């Protein structure tokens, strides 16, 4: 449960990072990348 709470916090901070500060977010996905990481942090990047 704690990891799900952290995932929501990080996703909201990334949204602020991208929208308000106009900074680039590069997501580097390595093998194996699990579904949760891909769905939450991986696909939020400007460059994947």
Protein backbone atom coordinates (compact mmCIF):
# COMPACT_ATOMS: atom_id res chain seq x y z
CA UNK A 1 0.00 0.00 0.00
CA UNK A 2 2.86 2.36 0.77
CA UNK A 3 4.32 1.90 -2.71
CA UNK A 4 0.98 2.82 -4.32
CA UNK A 5 0.83 6.00 -2.24
CA UNK A 6 4.36 6.94 -3.33
CA UNK A 7 3.49 6.25 -6.97
CA UNK A 8 0.63 8.78 -6.81
CA UNK A 9 2.87 11.39 -5.16
CA UNK A 10 5.63 11.00 -7.73
CA UNK A 11 3.16 11.14 -10.63
CA UNK A 12 1.71 14.41 -9.34
CA UNK A 13 5.18 15.92 -8.83
CA UNK A 14 6.11 14.92 -12.39
CA UNK A 15 3.01 16.70 -13.68
CA UNK A 16 4.05 19.87 -11.84
CA UNK A 17 7.61 19.43 -13.12
CA UNK A 18 6.43 19.26 -16.73
CA UNK A 19 3.53 21.72 -16.73
CA UNK A 20 4.66 24.58 -14.51
CA UNK A 21 8.42 24.55 -14.84
CA UNK A 22 8.50 23.53 -18.53
CA UNK A 23 11.31 21.07 -17.93
CA UNK A 24 12.07 17.95 -19.96
CA UNK A 25 11.47 14.52 -18.41
CA UNK A 26 13.33 11.63 -20.02
CA UNK A 27 12.16 8.14 -19.06
CA UNK A 28 14.74 5.39 -19.53
CA UNK A 29 13.08 1.98 -19.53
CA UNK A 30 15.37 -1.03 -19.18
CA UNK A 31 14.62 -4.71 -19.54
CA UNK A 32 12.65 -6.03 -17.69
CA UNK A 33 10.29 -3.14 -17.02
CA UNK A 34 7.18 -4.25 -15.17
CA UNK A 35 3.66 -3.09 -16.03
CA UNK A 36 3.27 -0.83 -13.01
CA UNK A 37 6.41 1.15 -13.75
CA UNK A 38 5.51 1.47 -17.41
CA UNK A 39 1.97 2.61 -16.68
CA UNK A 40 2.90 5.12 -13.98
CA UNK A 41 6.33 6.66 -14.58
CA UNK A 42 7.47 5.39 -17.95
CA UNK A 43 4.74 6.80 -20.15
CA UNK A 44 4.80 10.22 -18.48
CA UNK A 45 8.11 11.11 -20.08
CA UNK A 46 8.58 13.58 -22.90
CA UNK A 47 11.19 11.25 -24.39
CA UNK A 48 10.90 7.52 -23.78
